[in-house]
Amino acid sequence: MKKYLCIMRSKPANNEKCEAPSPTDMEAMFAKFNAWKEEFKDNIIDMGGKLADGKVVTSEKVIDGPFAETNEIAGGFMIVAAEDIEKAVLVAQKSPGVYPGSSVEVREINQP
């Protein structure tokens, strides 16, 4: 099987306050998430996680970052195993983490 890096992207949060989800909404969200994880348990190698601030390294210097200059920010990642990119895309498409305003970039990890 090939490995694929899935980079989760979303638009930067605006300064509007969002209402916290109700316990019922949270329960429904966790149920969807757990059902998705179970359906693709043979494909999900590393659930990854949310990305925090870090550093940008160049040959000349190290600076705080990353600094997004686009309208989307990479907020998390996961690694999946699949026979081909179409299957890896299916895993990403069915994720409850894909919602309006978000996207997942799926890239094959070249292996020697």
C-alpha atoms as a PDB file:
ATOM      1  CA  MET A   1       0.000   0.000   0.000  1.00  0.00           C
ATOM      2  CA  LYS A   2       1.055   3.560  -0.641  1.00  0.00           C
ATOM      3  CA  LYS A   3       1.101   6.248   2.062  1.00  0.00           C
ATOM      4  CA  TYR A   4      -0.575   9.633   1.726  1.00  0.00           C
ATOM      5  CA  LEU A   5      -0.189  12.821   3.730  1.00  0.00           C
ATOM      6  CA  CYS A   6      -3.506  14.594   4.284  1.00  0.00           C
ATOM      7  CA  ILE A   7      -3.122  18.260   5.190  1.00  0.00           C
ATOM      8  CA  MET A   8      -6.232  19.812   6.713  1.00  0.00           C
ATOM      9  CA  ARG A   9      -6.837  23.426   5.776  1.00  0.00           C
ATOM     10  CA  SER A  10      -9.423  25.963   6.830  1.00  0.00           C
ATOM     11  CA  LYS A  11     -10.033  29.652   6.569  1.00  0.00           C
ATOM     12  CA  PRO A  12      -8.598  31.732   9.425  1.00  0.00           C
ATOM     13  CA  ALA A  13     -11.095  32.279  12.218  1.00  0.00           C
ATOM     14  CA  ASN A  14     -12.753  35.637  12.133  1.00  0.00           C
ATOM     15  CA  ASN A  15     -13.130  37.557  15.337  1.00  0.00           C
ATOM     16  CA  GLU A  16     -16.807  36.736  15.718  1.00  0.00           C
ATOM     17  CA  LYS A  17     -17.641  34.687  18.782  1.00  0.00           C
ATOM     18  CA  CYS A  18     -19.001  31.235  18.049  1.00  0.00           C
ATOM     19  CA  GLU A  19     -21.518  29.613  20.315  1.00  0.00           C
ATOM     20  CA  ALA A  20     -20.212  26.454  21.967  1.00  0.00           C
ATOM     21  CA  PRO A  21     -21.915  23.285  20.735  1.00  0.00           C
ATOM     22  CA  SER A  22     -24.496  21.705  23.006  1.00  0.00           C
ATOM     23  CA  PRO A  23     -23.787  18.363  24.687  1.00  0.00           C
ATOM     24  CA  THR A  24     -26.193  16.751  22.195  1.00  0.00           C
ATOM     25  CA  ASP A  25     -24.325  18.303  19.255  1.00  0.00           C
ATOM     26  CA  MET A  26     -20.984  17.155  20.702  1.00  0.00           C
ATOM     27  CA  GLU A  27     -22.310  13.621  21.162  1.00  0.00           C
ATOM     28  CA  ALA A  28     -23.501  13.534  17.534  1.00  0.00           C
ATOM     29  CA  MET A  29     -20.157  14.878  16.299  1.00  0.00           C
ATOM     30  CA  PHE A  30     -18.194  12.252  18.259  1.00  0.00           C
ATOM     31  CA  ALA A  31     -20.508   9.509  16.947  1.00  0.00           C
ATOM     32  CA  LYS A  32     -19.815  10.591  13.329  1.00  0.00           C
ATOM     33  CA  PHE A  33     -16.085  10.835  13.995  1.00  0.00           C
ATOM     34  CA  ASN A  34     -15.927   7.401  15.660  1.00  0.00           C
ATOM     35  CA  ALA A  35     -17.970   5.797  12.846  1.00  0.00           C
ATOM     36  CA  TRP A  36     -15.576   7.317  10.273  1.00  0.00           C
ATOM     37  CA  LYS A  37     -12.518   6.073  12.207  1.00  0.00           C
ATOM     38  CA  GLU A  38     -14.011   2.583  12.405  1.00  0.00           C
ATOM     39  CA  GLU A  39     -14.895   2.516   8.690  1.00  0.00           C
ATOM     40  CA  PHE A  40     -11.333   3.460   7.701  1.00  0.00           C
ATOM     41  CA  LYS A  41      -9.358   1.840  10.543  1.00  0.00           C
ATOM     42  CA  ASP A  42      -7.295  -0.163   8.039  1.00  0.00           C
ATOM     43  CA  ASN A  43      -6.322   3.029   6.188  1.00  0.00           C
ATOM     44  CA  ILE A  44      -5.612   5.505   8.977  1.00  0.00           C
ATOM     45  CA  ILE A  45      -1.963   5.030   9.979  1.00  0.00           C
ATOM     46  CA  ASP A  46      -1.511   8.195  12.029  1.00  0.00           C
ATOM     47  CA  MET A  47      -4.400  10.464  13.034  1.00  0.00           C
ATOM     48  CA  GLY A  48      -1.866  13.260  13.240  1.00  0.00           C
ATOM     49  CA  GLY A  49      -3.246  16.222  15.061  1.00  0.00           C
ATOM     50  CA  LYS A  50      -3.684  19.943  15.190  1.00  0.00           C
ATOM     51  CA  LEU A  51      -0.638  21.967  14.218  1.00  0.00           C
ATOM     52  CA  ALA A  52       0.687  24.615  16.613  1.00  0.00           C
ATOM     53  CA  ASP A  53       2.913  27.588  15.854  1.00  0.00           C
ATOM     54  CA  GLY A  54       6.428  26.686  14.843  1.00  0.00           C
ATOM     55  CA  LYS A  55       9.528  27.983  13.069  1.00  0.00           C
ATOM     56  CA  VAL A  56      10.381  28.570   9.421  1.00  0.00           C
ATOM     57  CA  VAL A  57      13.892  27.386   8.568  1.00  0.00           C
ATOM     58  CA  THR A  58      15.867  28.671   5.569  1.00  0.00           C
ATOM     59  CA  SER A  59      19.550  28.387   4.749  1.00  0.00           C
ATOM     60  CA  GLU A  60      20.012  31.941   6.059  1.00  0.00           C
ATOM     61  CA  LYS A  61      17.901  32.061   9.212  1.00  0.00           C
ATOM     62  CA  VAL A  62      15.216  30.671  11.499  1.00  0.00           C
ATOM     63  CA  ILE A  63      12.114  32.800  12.098  1.00  0.00           C
ATOM     64  CA  ASP A  64       8.883  32.415  14.007  1.00  0.00           C
ATOM     65  CA  GLY A  65       6.071  31.197  11.861  1.00  0.00           C
ATOM     66  CA  PRO A  66       4.516  29.962   9.807  1.00  0.00           C
ATOM     67  CA  PHE A  67       3.070  33.148   8.412  1.00  0.00           C
ATOM     68  CA  ALA A  68       0.078  32.491   6.211  1.00  0.00           C
ATOM     69  CA  GLU A  69      -0.208  34.779   3.239  1.00  0.00           C
ATOM     70  CA  THR A  70      -3.197  32.997   1.797  1.00  0.00           C
ATOM     71  CA  ASN A  71      -6.811  32.721   2.813  1.00  0.00           C
ATOM     72  CA  GLU A  72      -6.305  29.180   4.133  1.00  0.00           C
ATOM     73  CA  ILE A  73      -4.222  27.876   7.034  1.00  0.00           C
ATOM     74  CA  ALA A  74      -2.897  24.329   7.431  1.00  0.00           C
ATOM     75  CA  GLY A  75      -4.319  23.335  10.789  1.00  0.00           C
ATOM     76  CA  GLY A  76      -3.673  19.603  11.026  1.00  0.00           C
ATOM     77  CA  PHE A  77      -2.565  16.448   9.281  1.00  0.00           C
ATOM     78  CA  MET A  78      -2.983  12.681   9.143  1.00  0.00           C
ATOM     79  CA  ILE A  79      -1.323   9.851   7.260  1.00  0.00           C
ATOM     80  CA  VAL A  80      -3.381   7.214   5.478  1.00  0.00           C
ATOM     81  CA  ALA A  81      -2.480   4.043   3.604  1.00  0.00           C
ATOM     82  CA  ALA A  82      -4.364   3.221   0.423  1.00  0.00           C
ATOM     83  CA  GLU A  83      -4.018   1.286  -2.809  1.00  0.00           C
ATOM     84  CA  ASP A  84      -4.222   4.521  -4.813  1.00  0.00           C
ATOM     85  CA  ILE A  85      -4.927   8.234  -4.462  1.00  0.00           C
ATOM     86  CA  GLU A  86      -8.638   7.763  -5.198  1.00  0.00           C
ATOM     87  CA  LYS A  87      -9.021   5.618  -2.060  1.00  0.00           C
ATOM     88  CA  ALA A  88      -6.988   8.119  -0.008  1.00  0.00           C
ATOM     89  CA  VAL A  89      -9.248  10.912  -1.280  1.00  0.00           C
ATOM     90  CA  LEU A  90     -12.312   8.879  -0.264  1.00  0.00           C
ATOM     91  CA  VAL A  91     -10.971   8.571   3.298  1.00  0.00           C
ATOM     92  CA  ALA A  92     -10.508  12.360   3.406  1.00  0.00           C
ATOM     93  CA  GLN A  93     -13.875  13.124   1.775  1.00  0.00           C
ATOM     94  CA  LYS A  94     -15.801  11.092   4.322  1.00  0.00           C
ATOM     95  CA  SER A  95     -14.053  12.705   7.281  1.00  0.00           C
ATOM     96  CA  PRO A  96     -16.367  14.674   9.564  1.00  0.00           C
ATOM     97  CA  GLY A  97     -13.566  17.258   9.612  1.00  0.00           C
ATOM     98  CA  VAL A  98     -14.396  18.262   6.034  1.00  0.00           C
ATOM     99  CA  TYR A  99     -17.029  20.974   6.193  1.00  0.00           C
ATOM    100  CA  PRO A 100     -17.860  24.142   4.251  1.00  0.00           C
ATOM    101  CA  GLY A 101     -14.827  26.434   4.385  1.00  0.00           C
ATOM    102  CA  SER A 102     -12.328  23.605   4.890  1.00  0.00           C
ATOM    103  CA  SER A 103     -10.318  21.365   2.583  1.00  0.00           C
ATOM    104  CA  VAL A 104      -7.881  18.471   2.701  1.00  0.00           C
ATOM    105  CA  GLU A 105      -4.820  18.315   0.465  1.00  0.00           C
ATOM    106  CA  VAL A 106      -3.941  14.674  -0.271  1.00  0.00           C
ATOM    107  CA  ARG A 107      -0.338  14.005  -1.347  1.00  0.00           C
ATOM    108  CA  GLU A 108       1.387  10.689  -1.959  1.00  0.00           C
ATOM    109  CA  ILE A 109       4.490  10.185   0.175  1.00  0.00           C
ATOM    110  CA  ASN A 110       7.242   8.927  -2.138  1.00  0.00           C
ATOM    111  CA  GLN A 111       8.909   5.871  -0.670  1.00  0.00           C
ATOM    112  CA  PRO A 112      12.227   4.529  -1.912  1.00  0.00           C
END
